[in-house]
Amino acid sequence: MTFFPVDRDIFSSSIWLTGTPEERCLWWWLLGNKDDDGVVRQRELAIADGAKLPRATVEAALQKFSEPDPDSRTRDNDGRRIARTPEGFVRILNHELYYSKDYSTPRWRRWKERQRANALANDPTPLPTKDKDKDNNGKQTRPAADAASPAGAGLRADVVEVHDYWRSRLHPDAKAPRKSSKRFCRIKARLDEGFTVEQIKRAIDGCAGSEFHRQNKHTDIELICRDAAKLERFISLAPASSTAPTETPEEAGRRRTERALEAVWGGRQ
């Protein structure tokens, strides 16, 4: 069974305050069944069956969701909530706005970041996992693990190359990555999966060329490299004139498998 985060602001949204019970039910069902791209890949018949609503009610509600809403807090798209994909599926228009939010607690994020940094860096001396680096008032009581070393020190050259290219294309004012930062971990994870530097640069080009992502400020390298599916999606957005070399999906899958096997067997030697 899977779960998905829901922003509590939904309870003060116009659809919650002015919508009918059927419209609220349908909206919850759409949020729970969209994929990582914000698309509900089902037709009206399946949507009506899944939401347990009459098909006519579903079609009327979808038509309402696709029209401008002057009471909506999200002014993008004139308050419209959905649009149709070329295949005719329903796309949630503000998906990226909420999908990119971090709903975890600060304590959990710090612990998870330490665990991820240890696993990726293969450090034989694990970082402390207990949340004792801050007092009850949130003040720092212990120096950060990487505070003594300058930014960018000891990083892999390919990670730095990707990060520098991202800064030059999208965020010139971004700081250099540190070994424990999420940006470093995301880039390194994708490289370890078998993606090349040129492929990640191509994904960055795809993000830079997307008006939607630039206008909504969804351009962080952490988002671009969140996972393999997200990276491949941004690669598909890159302009066809890009000079970055391409490869077939079979070649990419074979290369990632080889890299994963090397990592497993290399760690057992």
Protein backbone atom coordinates (compact mmCIF):
# COMPACT_ATOMS: atom_id res chain seq x y z
CA MET A 1 0.00 0.00 0.00
CA THR A 2 1.36 3.45 -0.90
CA PHE A 3 0.71 6.89 0.55
CA PHE A 4 0.99 10.44 -0.73
CA PRO A 5 1.41 13.75 1.13
CA VAL A 6 -1.46 16.23 1.13
CA ASP A 7 -0.89 19.89 1.87
CA ARG A 8 -3.15 20.97 4.72
CA ASP A 9 -3.92 24.20 2.85
CA ILE A 10 -6.31 22.12 0.75
CA PHE A 11 -8.87 22.62 3.54
CA SER A 12 -8.92 26.36 2.82
CA SER A 13 -8.92 26.01 -0.96
CA SER A 14 -11.81 27.20 -3.09
CA ILE A 15 -12.63 23.64 -4.14
CA TRP A 16 -13.05 22.67 -0.48
CA LEU A 17 -14.98 25.80 0.49
CA THR A 18 -17.28 26.09 -2.52
CA GLY A 19 -17.25 22.67 -4.19
CA THR A 20 -19.88 20.01 -3.85
CA PRO A 21 -19.18 16.80 -1.89
CA GLU A 22 -18.88 14.95 -5.20
CA GLU A 23 -16.33 17.45 -6.51
CA ARG A 24 -14.26 17.18 -3.33
CA CYS A 25 -14.37 13.39 -3.54
CA LEU A 26 -13.28 13.44 -7.17
CA TRP A 27 -10.45 15.90 -6.48
CA TRP A 28 -9.09 13.71 -3.68
CA TRP A 29 -9.27 10.70 -5.97
CA LEU A 30 -7.35 12.51 -8.73
CA LEU A 31 -4.64 13.58 -6.28
CA GLY A 32 -4.28 10.04 -5.02
CA ASN A 33 -4.04 8.48 -8.48
CA LYS A 34 -1.76 10.88 -10.38
CA ASP A 35 1.72 9.68 -11.29
CA ASP A 36 5.06 11.44 -10.69
CA ASP A 37 4.36 13.68 -13.68
CA GLY A 38 1.00 14.79 -12.29
CA VAL A 39 -1.01 12.82 -14.87
CA VAL A 40 -3.99 10.57 -14.11
CA ARG A 41 -3.64 7.96 -16.82
CA GLN A 42 -7.24 6.76 -16.78
CA ARG A 43 -10.33 7.61 -18.80
CA GLU A 44 -13.60 9.00 -17.49
CA LEU A 45 -15.17 5.55 -17.21
CA ALA A 46 -12.36 4.24 -14.98
CA ILE A 47 -12.26 7.49 -12.99
CA ALA A 48 -15.99 7.30 -12.31
CA ASP A 49 -15.68 3.65 -11.26
CA GLY A 50 -12.69 4.37 -9.00
CA ALA A 51 -14.27 7.42 -7.35
CA LYS A 52 -17.66 5.64 -7.11
CA LEU A 53 -19.45 8.54 -8.78
CA PRO A 54 -21.82 8.69 -11.75
CA ARG A 55 -20.03 9.29 -15.02
CA ALA A 56 -22.09 12.40 -15.75
CA THR A 57 -21.06 13.88 -12.40
CA VAL A 58 -17.39 13.13 -13.14
CA GLU A 59 -17.54 14.70 -16.60
CA ALA A 60 -19.24 17.84 -15.24
CA ALA A 61 -16.69 18.16 -12.42
CA LEU A 62 -13.73 17.69 -14.78
CA GLN A 63 -15.14 20.40 -17.02
CA LYS A 64 -15.40 22.72 -14.01
CA PHE A 65 -11.83 21.92 -12.93
CA SER A 66 -10.57 22.88 -16.40
CA GLU A 67 -12.21 26.32 -16.32
CA PRO A 68 -10.79 29.52 -14.73
CA ASP A 69 -11.50 29.93 -11.03
CA PRO A 70 -11.37 33.54 -9.75
CA ASP A 71 -11.41 32.31 -6.12
CA SER A 72 -8.37 30.04 -6.48
CA ARG A 73 -5.25 31.01 -4.51
CA THR A 74 -3.05 29.66 -7.31
CA ARG A 75 -3.09 32.38 -9.93
CA ASP A 76 -1.16 30.35 -12.48
CA ASN A 77 -3.33 29.19 -15.38
CA ASP A 78 -6.09 31.58 -14.19
CA GLY A 79 -6.96 29.19 -11.38
CA ARG A 80 -7.51 26.19 -13.65
CA ARG A 81 -6.80 22.91 -11.90
CA ILE A 82 -6.47 20.45 -14.76
CA ALA A 83 -5.67 20.27 -18.46
CA ARG A 84 -5.68 17.48 -21.00
CA THR A 85 -2.57 15.76 -22.26
CA PRO A 86 -2.21 15.02 -25.98
CA GLU A 87 -3.42 11.49 -25.17
CA GLY A 88 -6.54 12.86 -23.48
CA PHE A 89 -5.54 12.10 -19.89
CA VAL A 90 -6.03 14.51 -16.98
CA ARG A 91 -2.98 16.54 -15.90
CA ILE A 92 -2.93 18.28 -12.49
CA LEU A 93 -1.58 21.74 -13.35
CA ASN A 94 -0.16 22.65 -9.92
CA HIS A 95 1.41 19.20 -9.43
CA GLU A 96 5.02 20.45 -9.52
CA LEU A 97 4.25 23.24 -7.04
CA TYR A 98 3.31 20.76 -4.31
CA TYR A 99 5.30 17.73 -5.49
CA SER A 100 8.59 19.61 -5.01
CA LYS A 101 7.76 20.52 -1.40
CA ASP A 102 9.51 18.71 1.43
CA TYR A 103 6.89 17.49 3.92
CA SER A 104 9.28 15.65 6.23
CA THR A 105 10.16 16.92 9.70
CA PRO A 106 13.47 18.76 10.27
CA ARG A 107 14.77 16.02 12.57
CA TRP A 108 13.94 13.27 10.06
CA ARG A 109 15.58 15.25 7.23
CA ARG A 110 18.84 15.68 9.17
CA TRP A 111 18.95 11.98 10.07
CA LYS A 112 18.14 10.90 6.50
CA GLU A 113 20.76 13.20 5.07
CA ARG A 114 23.42 11.72 7.34
CA GLN A 115 22.43 8.19 6.36
CA ARG A 116 22.45 9.02 2.66
CA ALA A 117 25.81 10.76 2.88
CA ASN A 118 27.33 7.78 4.67
CA ALA A 119 25.99 5.29 2.14
CA LEU A 120 27.05 7.27 -0.92
CA ALA A 121 30.46 8.29 0.34
CA ASN A 122 31.14 4.78 1.74
CA ASP A 123 32.70 6.39 4.78
CA PRO A 124 34.00 3.73 7.22
CA THR A 125 33.40 6.16 10.12
CA PRO A 126 29.65 6.80 10.24
CA LEU A 127 28.37 10.22 11.15
CA PRO A 128 26.29 10.47 14.34
CA THR A 129 22.66 9.60 13.71
CA LYS A 130 21.18 10.99 16.91
CA ASP A 131 19.74 14.45 16.75
CA LYS A 132 22.06 16.04 19.34
CA ASP A 133 23.67 18.71 17.19
CA LYS A 134 21.07 21.30 18.25
CA ASP A 135 19.58 22.24 21.60
CA ASN A 136 15.88 22.64 22.39
CA ASN A 137 15.92 26.18 21.01
CA GLY A 138 17.33 25.06 17.65
CA LYS A 139 20.78 26.57 18.24
CA GLN A 140 23.83 24.76 16.87
CA THR A 141 25.73 22.99 19.66
CA ARG A 142 28.09 20.88 17.52
CA PRO A 143 30.00 21.94 14.41
CA ALA A 144 28.64 20.51 11.19
CA ALA A 145 30.54 17.51 9.83
CA ASP A 146 31.80 19.47 6.85
CA ALA A 147 32.22 22.88 8.49
CA ALA A 148 35.98 22.48 8.88
CA SER A 149 36.56 21.79 5.20
CA PRO A 150 36.07 24.32 2.41
CA ALA A 151 33.08 24.00 0.08
CA GLY A 152 33.77 21.57 -2.72
CA ALA A 153 36.76 19.94 -0.99
CA GLY A 154 37.18 16.23 -1.66
CA LEU A 155 34.31 16.01 -4.13
CA ARG A 156 34.34 13.86 -7.23
CA ALA A 157 35.32 15.75 -10.35
CA ASP A 158 32.28 14.56 -12.29
CA VAL A 159 29.91 15.74 -9.55
CA VAL A 160 31.57 19.16 -9.52
CA GLU A 161 31.41 19.35 -13.32
CA VAL A 162 27.66 18.68 -13.31
CA HIS A 163 27.06 21.12 -10.46
CA ASP A 164 29.08 23.86 -12.14
CA TYR A 165 27.19 23.38 -15.40
CA TRP A 166 23.87 23.62 -13.55
CA ARG A 167 25.02 26.83 -11.86
CA SER A 168 26.10 28.34 -15.18
CA ARG A 169 22.74 27.51 -16.81
CA LEU A 170 20.23 28.12 -14.03
CA HIS A 171 21.64 29.29 -10.68
CA PRO A 172 24.82 31.41 -10.97
CA ASP A 173 24.57 32.41 -7.28
CA ALA A 174 24.34 28.85 -5.91
CA LYS A 175 27.05 27.77 -3.49
CA ALA A 176 29.48 24.96 -4.22
CA PRO A 177 28.19 21.57 -3.01
CA ARG A 178 29.37 19.80 0.11
CA LYS A 179 29.67 16.09 0.57
CA SER A 180 26.65 15.92 2.88
CA SER A 181 24.42 18.20 0.80
CA LYS A 182 21.34 16.86 -0.95
CA ARG A 183 22.53 18.24 -4.27
CA PHE A 184 25.78 16.30 -4.04
CA CYS A 185 23.93 13.13 -3.04
CA ARG A 186 21.40 13.41 -5.87
CA ILE A 187 24.04 14.01 -8.55
CA LYS A 188 26.29 11.23 -7.27
CA ALA A 189 23.39 8.78 -7.04
CA ARG A 190 22.46 9.33 -10.69
CA LEU A 191 26.08 9.01 -11.81
CA ASP A 192 26.42 5.79 -9.80
CA GLU A 193 23.31 4.46 -11.53
CA GLY A 194 25.11 4.79 -14.85
CA PHE A 195 23.99 8.14 -16.20
CA THR A 196 26.83 10.07 -17.82
CA VAL A 197 27.85 13.66 -17.16
CA GLU A 198 26.68 14.62 -20.65
CA GLN A 199 23.26 13.07 -20.05
CA ILE A 200 22.76 15.03 -16.83
CA LYS A 201 23.90 18.19 -18.63
CA ARG A 202 21.31 17.42 -21.26
CA ALA A 203 18.65 17.14 -18.53
CA ILE A 204 19.76 20.52 -17.19
CA ASP A 205 19.34 21.94 -20.71
CA GLY A 206 15.84 20.46 -20.78
CA CYS A 207 14.94 22.16 -17.50
CA ALA A 208 16.46 25.46 -18.67
CA GLY A 209 14.37 25.29 -21.83
CA SER A 210 11.10 24.61 -19.97
CA GLU A 211 9.17 27.83 -19.45
CA PHE A 212 6.94 26.15 -16.85
CA HIS A 213 9.84 25.08 -14.64
CA ARG A 214 11.64 28.42 -14.95
CA GLN A 215 8.56 30.50 -14.19
CA ASN A 216 7.67 28.37 -11.15
CA LYS A 217 11.31 28.14 -10.01
CA HIS A 218 11.39 24.34 -10.23
CA THR A 219 15.00 24.37 -11.43
CA ASP A 220 17.02 22.96 -8.54
CA ILE A 221 19.49 20.22 -9.48
CA GLU A 222 18.05 18.23 -6.57
CA LEU A 223 14.72 18.11 -8.44
CA ILE A 224 16.35 17.36 -11.81
CA CYS A 225 18.31 14.44 -10.32
CA ARG A 226 15.66 13.31 -7.82
CA ASP A 227 15.46 9.84 -9.38
CA ALA A 228 16.12 8.09 -12.68
CA ALA A 229 12.59 8.66 -13.98
CA LYS A 230 12.72 12.38 -13.22
CA LEU A 231 16.13 12.73 -14.87
CA GLU A 232 14.98 10.91 -18.00
CA ARG A 233 11.95 13.17 -18.19
CA PHE A 234 14.14 16.29 -18.19
CA ILE A 235 16.41 14.69 -20.78
CA SER A 236 13.36 14.28 -23.00
CA LEU A 237 12.71 18.04 -22.67
CA ALA A 238 16.18 18.93 -23.99
CA PRO A 239 16.24 20.53 -27.45
CA ALA A 240 16.95 18.19 -30.32
CA SER A 241 19.88 20.37 -31.40
CA SER A 242 21.79 19.57 -28.21
CA THR A 243 25.25 18.20 -28.94
CA ALA A 244 25.23 15.85 -25.97
CA PRO A 245 25.64 12.23 -27.13
CA THR A 246 22.61 9.98 -26.85
CA GLU A 247 22.21 6.25 -26.48
CA THR A 248 19.38 3.78 -26.80
CA PRO A 249 17.36 2.80 -23.70
CA GLU A 250 18.81 -0.72 -23.97
CA GLU A 251 22.36 0.63 -23.91
CA ALA A 252 21.59 2.91 -20.98
CA GLY A 253 19.97 0.07 -19.01
CA ARG A 254 22.86 -2.29 -19.70
CA ARG A 255 25.41 0.31 -18.65
CA ARG A 256 23.56 1.09 -15.41
CA THR A 257 23.34 -2.62 -14.60
CA GLU A 258 27.09 -3.01 -15.14
CA ARG A 259 27.79 -0.03 -12.88
CA ALA A 260 25.52 -1.42 -10.16
CA LEU A 261 27.21 -4.84 -10.30
CA GLU A 262 30.63 -3.23 -10.10
CA ALA A 263 29.55 -1.30 -7.02
CA VAL A 264 28.20 -4.45 -5.33
CA TRP A 265 31.12 -6.76 -6.08
CA GLY A 266 33.69 -4.04 -5.55
CA GLY A 267 32.39 -3.48 -2.03
CA ARG A 268 32.82 -7.18 -1.18
CA GLN A 269 36.49 -7.37 -2.07
